[in-house]
Amino acid sequence: MAIRLENVGIAVADLEAAIAFFTDLGLEVVGRDTVSGEWTDTAVGLDGNHARIAMLETPDGQGRLELFEYLHPEAIPTAPTLPHEIGMHRVAFSVDDIDAALRIAARHGCHPLRGVATYRDLYKLTYLRGPSGILVMLAENLTKP
């Protein structure tokens, strides 16, 4: 059986703010829709499911995020995930220039949780809180040619 990762889905409080954040980092919007009806109720397992969605893709076409903002039922805010909690953890991106990526994130009010670290002279990396409290890891490969 062949298998590949299709996308990572993330519920957000403000779809437009999340799109702005991720597109500023370099992802591209490849689709948008508003979904509802029996098929979404069945697929998602949630009666009355009605959401605005956007599919974003990395420039290399290898990674996709599906962002969705629930119109119904009302979205339930939760405390932001901590790095050591079990469950869906974070979304990670390789970037060519972590300092440039952090300047972009800062324009959206998003800053590293603590700072930028270097892992074995291989990567500079950091975690930050993106829109709706999403944990985002940014990593710059220090061994690239």
N, C-alpha and C. Protein backbone atom coordinates (compact mmCIF):
# COMPACT_ATOMS: atom_id res chain seq x y z
N MET A 1 0.84 -1.18 0.00
CA MET A 1 0.00 0.00 0.00
C MET A 1 0.88 1.24 0.00
N ALA A 2 0.64 2.14 -0.93
CA ALA A 2 1.37 3.41 -0.98
C ALA A 2 0.72 4.40 -0.02
N ILE A 3 1.53 5.22 0.60
CA ILE A 3 1.00 6.24 1.51
C ILE A 3 1.88 7.48 1.42
N ARG A 4 1.27 8.64 1.52
CA ARG A 4 2.00 9.90 1.59
C ARG A 4 1.20 10.87 2.43
N LEU A 5 1.88 11.79 3.06
CA LEU A 5 1.21 12.79 3.88
C LEU A 5 0.52 13.78 2.95
N GLU A 6 -0.77 13.98 3.13
CA GLU A 6 -1.54 14.90 2.29
C GLU A 6 -1.42 16.33 2.81
N ASN A 7 -1.75 16.54 4.08
CA ASN A 7 -1.64 17.87 4.67
C ASN A 7 -1.78 17.76 6.18
N VAL A 8 -1.51 18.86 6.84
CA VAL A 8 -1.76 18.99 8.27
C VAL A 8 -2.87 20.02 8.41
N GLY A 9 -3.93 19.67 9.12
CA GLY A 9 -5.06 20.57 9.30
C GLY A 9 -4.98 21.28 10.64
N ILE A 10 -5.24 22.58 10.61
CA ILE A 10 -5.17 23.37 11.83
C ILE A 10 -6.38 24.28 11.90
N ALA A 11 -7.16 24.17 12.99
CA ALA A 11 -8.28 25.08 13.22
C ALA A 11 -7.72 26.39 13.77
N VAL A 12 -8.21 27.50 13.22
CA VAL A 12 -7.73 28.82 13.64
C VAL A 12 -8.92 29.70 13.99
N ALA A 13 -8.66 30.71 14.81
CA ALA A 13 -9.71 31.65 15.20
C ALA A 13 -9.97 32.68 14.11
N ASP A 14 -8.93 33.03 13.35
CA ASP A 14 -9.04 34.06 12.33
C ASP A 14 -8.31 33.57 11.08
N LEU A 15 -9.06 33.10 10.11
CA LEU A 15 -8.48 32.51 8.90
C LEU A 15 -7.61 33.50 8.15
N GLU A 16 -8.08 34.73 8.01
CA GLU A 16 -7.31 35.72 7.24
C GLU A 16 -5.97 36.04 7.91
N ALA A 17 -5.97 36.15 9.23
CA ALA A 17 -4.71 36.42 9.95
C ALA A 17 -3.75 35.24 9.80
N ALA A 18 -4.26 34.03 9.86
CA ALA A 18 -3.40 32.85 9.71
C ALA A 18 -2.85 32.76 8.29
N ILE A 19 -3.68 33.04 7.29
CA ILE A 19 -3.22 33.04 5.91
C ILE A 19 -2.12 34.09 5.73
N ALA A 20 -2.33 35.28 6.26
CA ALA A 20 -1.32 36.35 6.13
C ALA A 20 0.00 35.92 6.74
N PHE A 21 -0.03 35.31 7.91
CA PHE A 21 1.19 34.85 8.58
C PHE A 21 1.94 33.84 7.72
N PHE A 22 1.25 32.78 7.31
CA PHE A 22 1.91 31.71 6.59
C PHE A 22 2.33 32.12 5.17
N THR A 23 1.55 32.97 4.51
CA THR A 23 1.97 33.42 3.17
C THR A 23 3.15 34.38 3.27
N ASP A 24 3.22 35.18 4.31
CA ASP A 24 4.39 36.03 4.50
C ASP A 24 5.64 35.21 4.71
N LEU A 25 5.50 34.04 5.34
CA LEU A 25 6.66 33.15 5.52
C LEU A 25 7.05 32.45 4.22
N GLY A 26 6.16 32.47 3.22
CA GLY A 26 6.51 31.90 1.92
C GLY A 26 5.58 30.83 1.39
N LEU A 27 4.58 30.40 2.18
CA LEU A 27 3.63 29.43 1.66
C LEU A 27 2.71 30.13 0.66
N GLU A 28 2.10 29.35 -0.21
CA GLU A 28 1.20 29.90 -1.22
C GLU A 28 -0.20 29.31 -1.02
N VAL A 29 -1.22 30.15 -1.16
CA VAL A 29 -2.60 29.67 -1.10
C VAL A 29 -2.90 28.97 -2.43
N VAL A 30 -3.28 27.70 -2.34
CA VAL A 30 -3.59 26.94 -3.56
C VAL A 30 -5.07 26.62 -3.67
N GLY A 31 -5.85 26.99 -2.65
CA GLY A 31 -7.29 26.78 -2.71
C GLY A 31 -7.99 27.36 -1.51
N ARG A 32 -9.23 27.78 -1.73
CA ARG A 32 -10.07 28.31 -0.66
C ARG A 32 -11.49 27.82 -0.91
N ASP A 33 -12.25 27.63 0.16
CA ASP A 33 -13.63 27.19 0.00
C ASP A 33 -14.37 27.43 1.31
N THR A 34 -15.67 27.36 1.24
CA THR A 34 -16.52 27.28 2.41
C THR A 34 -17.26 25.96 2.30
N VAL A 35 -17.17 25.14 3.34
CA VAL A 35 -17.73 23.80 3.27
C VAL A 35 -18.80 23.60 4.34
N SER A 36 -19.83 22.85 3.96
CA SER A 36 -20.90 22.48 4.89
C SER A 36 -21.72 21.39 4.23
N GLY A 37 -22.63 20.83 4.99
CA GLY A 37 -23.52 19.82 4.45
C GLY A 37 -23.24 18.44 4.97
N GLU A 38 -24.04 17.51 4.50
CA GLU A 38 -23.98 16.14 5.00
C GLU A 38 -22.61 15.51 4.80
N TRP A 39 -21.98 15.77 3.66
CA TRP A 39 -20.68 15.14 3.42
C TRP A 39 -19.64 15.59 4.44
N THR A 40 -19.66 16.88 4.82
CA THR A 40 -18.68 17.33 5.81
C THR A 40 -19.03 16.81 7.20
N ASP A 41 -20.33 16.75 7.51
CA ASP A 41 -20.74 16.17 8.79
C ASP A 41 -20.23 14.74 8.91
N THR A 42 -20.36 13.98 7.83
CA THR A 42 -19.94 12.58 7.82
C THR A 42 -18.42 12.47 7.90
N ALA A 43 -17.72 13.22 7.05
CA ALA A 43 -16.26 13.11 7.00
C ALA A 43 -15.61 13.54 8.31
N VAL A 44 -16.09 14.64 8.89
CA VAL A 44 -15.47 15.21 10.08
C VAL A 44 -16.04 14.60 11.36
N GLY A 45 -17.26 14.07 11.27
CA GLY A 45 -17.90 13.49 12.46
C GLY A 45 -18.46 14.56 13.38
N LEU A 46 -18.96 15.64 12.78
CA LEU A 46 -19.45 16.77 13.55
C LEU A 46 -20.71 17.31 12.89
N ASP A 47 -21.85 17.19 13.58
CA ASP A 47 -23.11 17.65 13.00
C ASP A 47 -23.12 19.17 12.84
N GLY A 48 -23.65 19.63 11.71
CA GLY A 48 -23.76 21.05 11.45
C GLY A 48 -22.43 21.70 11.10
N ASN A 49 -21.46 20.89 10.69
CA ASN A 49 -20.12 21.39 10.35
C ASN A 49 -20.20 22.41 9.22
N HIS A 50 -19.67 23.60 9.47
CA HIS A 50 -19.66 24.68 8.47
C HIS A 50 -18.38 25.48 8.72
N ALA A 51 -17.50 25.50 7.73
CA ALA A 51 -16.20 26.14 7.95
C ALA A 51 -15.69 26.80 6.68
N ARG A 52 -14.90 27.82 6.88
CA ARG A 52 -14.14 28.43 5.78
C ARG A 52 -12.77 27.77 5.82
N ILE A 53 -12.26 27.35 4.66
CA ILE A 53 -10.99 26.65 4.63
C ILE A 53 -10.05 27.29 3.60
N ALA A 54 -8.77 27.09 3.82
CA ALA A 54 -7.75 27.49 2.86
C ALA A 54 -6.66 26.43 2.86
N MET A 55 -6.22 26.04 1.67
CA MET A 55 -5.10 25.11 1.53
C MET A 55 -3.89 25.92 1.13
N LEU A 56 -2.81 25.75 1.89
CA LEU A 56 -1.56 26.44 1.61
C LEU A 56 -0.50 25.40 1.32
N GLU A 57 0.47 25.78 0.48
CA GLU A 57 1.49 24.84 0.06
C GLU A 57 2.86 25.51 0.10
N THR A 58 3.88 24.72 0.44
CA THR A 58 5.25 25.23 0.40
C THR A 58 5.65 25.40 -1.07
N PRO A 59 6.56 26.31 -1.35
CA PRO A 59 6.94 26.57 -2.75
C PRO A 59 7.45 25.33 -3.49
N ASP A 60 8.02 24.36 -2.77
CA ASP A 60 8.51 23.16 -3.45
C ASP A 60 7.39 22.14 -3.71
N GLY A 61 6.17 22.44 -3.24
CA GLY A 61 5.04 21.55 -3.47
C GLY A 61 5.02 20.31 -2.59
N GLN A 62 5.92 20.21 -1.63
CA GLN A 62 6.03 19.00 -0.82
C GLN A 62 5.25 19.05 0.49
N GLY A 63 4.84 20.23 0.95
CA GLY A 63 4.15 20.33 2.22
C GLY A 63 2.89 21.19 2.10
N ARG A 64 1.84 20.75 2.75
CA ARG A 64 0.58 21.50 2.71
C ARG A 64 0.00 21.65 4.11
N LEU A 65 -0.60 22.83 4.33
CA LEU A 65 -1.38 23.10 5.53
C LEU A 65 -2.81 23.39 5.10
N GLU A 66 -3.77 22.79 5.77
CA GLU A 66 -5.16 23.16 5.58
C GLU A 66 -5.59 23.91 6.82
N LEU A 67 -5.91 25.17 6.63
CA LEU A 67 -6.37 26.02 7.73
C LEU A 67 -7.88 26.09 7.65
N PHE A 68 -8.55 26.00 8.80
CA PHE A 68 -10.00 26.11 8.78
C PHE A 68 -10.50 26.92 9.95
N GLU A 69 -11.49 27.74 9.66
CA GLU A 69 -12.15 28.58 10.66
C GLU A 69 -13.61 28.14 10.73
N TYR A 70 -14.00 27.63 11.88
CA TYR A 70 -15.37 27.15 12.03
C TYR A 70 -16.36 28.30 12.14
N LEU A 71 -17.41 28.21 11.32
CA LEU A 71 -18.53 29.14 11.41
C LEU A 71 -19.62 28.52 12.29
N HIS A 72 -19.73 27.17 12.21
CA HIS A 72 -20.67 26.42 13.03
C HIS A 72 -20.16 24.99 13.13
N PRO A 73 -20.21 24.36 14.25
CA PRO A 73 -20.52 24.95 15.54
C PRO A 73 -19.43 25.95 15.93
N GLU A 74 -19.76 26.76 16.91
CA GLU A 74 -18.82 27.77 17.37
C GLU A 74 -17.51 27.11 17.79
N ALA A 75 -16.41 27.71 17.38
CA ALA A 75 -15.09 27.18 17.73
C ALA A 75 -14.90 27.25 19.24
N ILE A 76 -14.22 26.27 19.78
CA ILE A 76 -13.96 26.19 21.21
C ILE A 76 -12.50 26.58 21.46
N PRO A 77 -12.26 27.72 22.07
CA PRO A 77 -10.86 28.09 22.36
C PRO A 77 -10.26 27.13 23.38
N THR A 78 -8.99 26.82 23.19
CA THR A 78 -8.27 25.98 24.13
C THR A 78 -6.97 26.69 24.51
N ALA A 79 -6.40 26.26 25.58
CA ALA A 79 -5.10 26.81 25.98
C ALA A 79 -4.07 26.39 24.94
N PRO A 80 -3.12 27.27 24.61
CA PRO A 80 -2.08 26.87 23.65
C PRO A 80 -1.32 25.64 24.13
N THR A 81 -0.99 24.76 23.20
CA THR A 81 -0.22 23.56 23.49
C THR A 81 1.16 23.93 24.00
N LEU A 82 1.60 23.24 25.02
CA LEU A 82 2.97 23.42 25.52
C LEU A 82 3.88 22.43 24.81
N PRO A 83 5.16 22.74 24.67
CA PRO A 83 6.06 21.86 23.93
C PRO A 83 6.12 20.43 24.46
N HIS A 84 5.83 20.18 25.72
CA HIS A 84 5.94 18.83 26.27
C HIS A 84 4.61 18.10 26.40
N GLU A 85 3.52 18.67 25.92
CA GLU A 85 2.22 18.01 26.02
C GLU A 85 2.06 16.94 24.94
N ILE A 86 1.35 15.89 25.29
CA ILE A 86 1.07 14.81 24.36
C ILE A 86 -0.04 15.26 23.43
N GLY A 87 0.06 14.88 22.18
CA GLY A 87 -0.95 15.22 21.20
C GLY A 87 -0.33 15.96 20.03
N MET A 88 -1.18 16.56 19.21
CA MET A 88 -0.69 17.32 18.07
C MET A 88 0.25 18.39 18.58
N HIS A 89 1.45 18.44 18.05
CA HIS A 89 2.49 19.24 18.67
C HIS A 89 2.76 20.55 17.96
N ARG A 90 3.30 20.51 16.77
CA ARG A 90 3.74 21.71 16.09
C ARG A 90 3.82 21.46 14.60
N VAL A 91 3.98 22.54 13.85
CA VAL A 91 4.28 22.45 12.43
C VAL A 91 5.68 23.04 12.27
N ALA A 92 6.53 22.39 11.49
CA ALA A 92 7.93 22.81 11.35
C ALA A 92 8.23 23.16 9.90
N PHE A 93 9.04 24.19 9.73
CA PHE A 93 9.45 24.63 8.40
C PHE A 93 10.95 24.83 8.35
N SER A 94 11.57 24.39 7.27
CA SER A 94 12.95 24.74 6.96
C SER A 94 12.92 26.09 6.27
N VAL A 95 13.81 26.97 6.67
CA VAL A 95 13.91 28.29 6.05
C VAL A 95 15.36 28.54 5.66
N ASP A 96 15.57 29.35 4.64
CA ASP A 96 16.93 29.68 4.20
C ASP A 96 17.61 30.65 5.15
N ASP A 97 16.81 31.51 5.80
CA ASP A 97 17.37 32.56 6.66
C ASP A 97 16.45 32.72 7.86
N ILE A 98 16.83 32.15 8.99
CA ILE A 98 15.96 32.18 10.17
C ILE A 98 15.75 33.60 10.68
N ASP A 99 16.78 34.45 10.56
CA ASP A 99 16.61 35.83 11.03
C ASP A 99 15.58 36.57 10.20
N ALA A 100 15.59 36.36 8.88
CA ALA A 100 14.58 36.98 8.01
C ALA A 100 13.19 36.44 8.33
N ALA A 101 13.09 35.12 8.56
CA ALA A 101 11.80 34.51 8.90
C ALA A 101 11.28 35.07 10.23
N LEU A 102 12.16 35.29 11.19
CA LEU A 102 11.74 35.84 12.48
C LEU A 102 11.30 37.30 12.36
N ARG A 103 11.90 38.04 11.46
CA ARG A 103 11.43 39.42 11.23
C ARG A 103 10.03 39.41 10.66
N ILE A 104 9.77 38.48 9.74
CA ILE A 104 8.42 38.35 9.18
C ILE A 104 7.43 37.96 10.27
N ALA A 105 7.78 36.98 11.08
CA ALA A 105 6.90 36.53 12.17
C ALA A 105 6.62 37.67 13.14
N ALA A 106 7.64 38.47 13.43
CA ALA A 106 7.48 39.59 14.37
C ALA A 106 6.47 40.60 13.87
N ARG A 107 6.39 40.78 12.55
CA ARG A 107 5.39 41.71 12.00
C ARG A 107 3.97 41.24 12.31
N HIS A 108 3.82 39.97 12.62
CA HIS A 108 2.52 39.40 12.98
C HIS A 108 2.39 39.24 14.49
N GLY A 109 3.32 39.82 15.24
CA GLY A 109 3.28 39.73 16.70
C GLY A 109 3.74 38.38 17.23
N CYS A 110 4.49 37.62 16.43
CA CYS A 110 4.91 36.28 16.80
C CYS A 110 6.42 36.27 17.05
N HIS A 111 6.82 35.81 18.23
CA HIS A 111 8.21 35.85 18.63
C HIS A 111 8.62 34.50 19.22
N PRO A 112 9.93 34.17 19.21
CA PRO A 112 10.38 32.90 19.79
C PRO A 112 9.92 32.75 21.24
N LEU A 113 9.64 31.51 21.62
CA LEU A 113 9.26 31.25 23.00
C LEU A 113 10.38 31.63 23.95
N ARG A 114 11.62 31.36 23.55
CA ARG A 114 12.76 31.71 24.39
C ARG A 114 13.89 32.35 23.59
N GLY A 115 14.23 31.83 22.45
CA GLY A 115 15.32 32.36 21.66
C GLY A 115 15.63 31.41 20.51
N VAL A 116 16.74 31.65 19.85
CA VAL A 116 17.19 30.80 18.75
C VAL A 116 18.36 29.97 19.27
N ALA A 117 18.29 28.67 19.03
CA ALA A 117 19.33 27.75 19.49
C ALA A 117 20.06 27.16 18.30
N THR A 118 21.26 26.66 18.55
CA THR A 118 22.02 25.95 17.52
C THR A 118 22.16 24.50 17.95
N TYR A 119 21.77 23.60 17.06
CA TYR A 119 21.85 22.16 17.32
C TYR A 119 23.07 21.59 16.59
N ARG A 120 24.11 21.22 17.36
CA ARG A 120 25.31 20.53 16.85
C ARG A 120 25.90 21.18 15.60
N ASP A 121 25.87 22.46 15.50
CA ASP A 121 26.38 23.19 14.34
C ASP A 121 25.71 22.75 13.03
N LEU A 122 24.54 22.11 13.14
CA LEU A 122 23.80 21.65 11.98
C LEU A 122 22.62 22.56 11.64
N TYR A 123 21.91 23.01 12.70
CA TYR A 123 20.71 23.82 12.51
C TYR A 123 20.65 24.94 13.53
N LYS A 124 20.14 26.08 13.10
CA LYS A 124 19.66 27.11 14.02
C LYS A 124 18.15 26.92 14.03
N LEU A 125 17.54 26.87 15.21
CA LEU A 125 16.10 26.63 15.26
C LEU A 125 15.46 27.30 16.45
N THR A 126 14.16 27.47 16.33
CA THR A 126 13.37 28.09 17.39
C THR A 126 11.92 27.66 17.27
N TYR A 127 11.22 27.73 18.38
CA TYR A 127 9.77 27.58 18.40
C TYR A 127 9.18 28.97 18.65
N LEU A 128 8.06 29.24 17.98
CA LEU A 128 7.33 30.48 18.24
C LEU A 128 5.85 30.16 18.22
N ARG A 129 5.07 31.10 18.75
CA ARG A 129 3.61 30.99 18.71
C ARG A 129 3.13 31.74 17.48
N GLY A 130 2.47 31.04 16.59
CA GLY A 130 1.88 31.65 15.43
C GLY A 130 0.45 32.06 15.72
N PRO A 131 -0.32 32.36 14.70
CA PRO A 131 -1.72 32.75 14.89
C PRO A 131 -2.50 31.64 15.60
N SER A 132 -3.45 32.04 16.41
CA SER A 132 -4.29 31.12 17.19
C SER A 132 -3.46 30.24 18.12
N GLY A 133 -2.24 30.68 18.47
CA GLY A 133 -1.41 29.95 19.41
C GLY A 133 -0.71 28.74 18.84
N ILE A 134 -0.70 28.58 17.50
CA ILE A 134 -0.06 27.44 16.87
C ILE A 134 1.43 27.46 17.16
N LEU A 135 1.97 26.33 17.61
CA LEU A 135 3.42 26.21 17.76
C LEU A 135 4.03 26.01 16.38
N VAL A 136 4.97 26.87 16.02
CA VAL A 136 5.65 26.81 14.74
C VAL A 136 7.15 26.69 15.01
N MET A 137 7.79 25.69 14.41
CA MET A 137 9.24 25.58 14.51
C MET A 137 9.84 26.06 13.20
N LEU A 138 10.85 26.92 13.31
CA LEU A 138 11.61 27.37 12.15
C LEU A 138 13.02 26.85 12.31
N ALA A 139 13.59 26.30 11.23
CA ALA A 139 14.94 25.75 11.29
C ALA A 139 15.71 26.14 10.04
N GLU A 140 16.94 26.62 10.27
CA GLU A 140 17.84 26.95 9.16
C GLU A 140 18.97 25.94 9.17
N ASN A 141 19.18 25.28 8.04
CA ASN A 141 20.25 24.29 7.88
C ASN A 141 21.58 25.05 7.74
N LEU A 142 22.48 24.82 8.66
CA LEU A 142 23.78 25.51 8.64
C LEU A 142 24.80 24.81 7.78
N THR A 143 24.49 23.62 7.26
CA THR A 143 25.44 22.86 6.45
C THR A 143 25.14 22.96 4.97
N LYS A 144 24.17 23.78 4.60
CA LYS A 144 23.83 23.89 3.18
C LYS A 144 24.99 24.49 2.39
N PRO A 145 25.14 24.07 1.15
CA PRO A 145 26.26 24.56 0.34
C PRO A 145 26.14 26.04 0.01
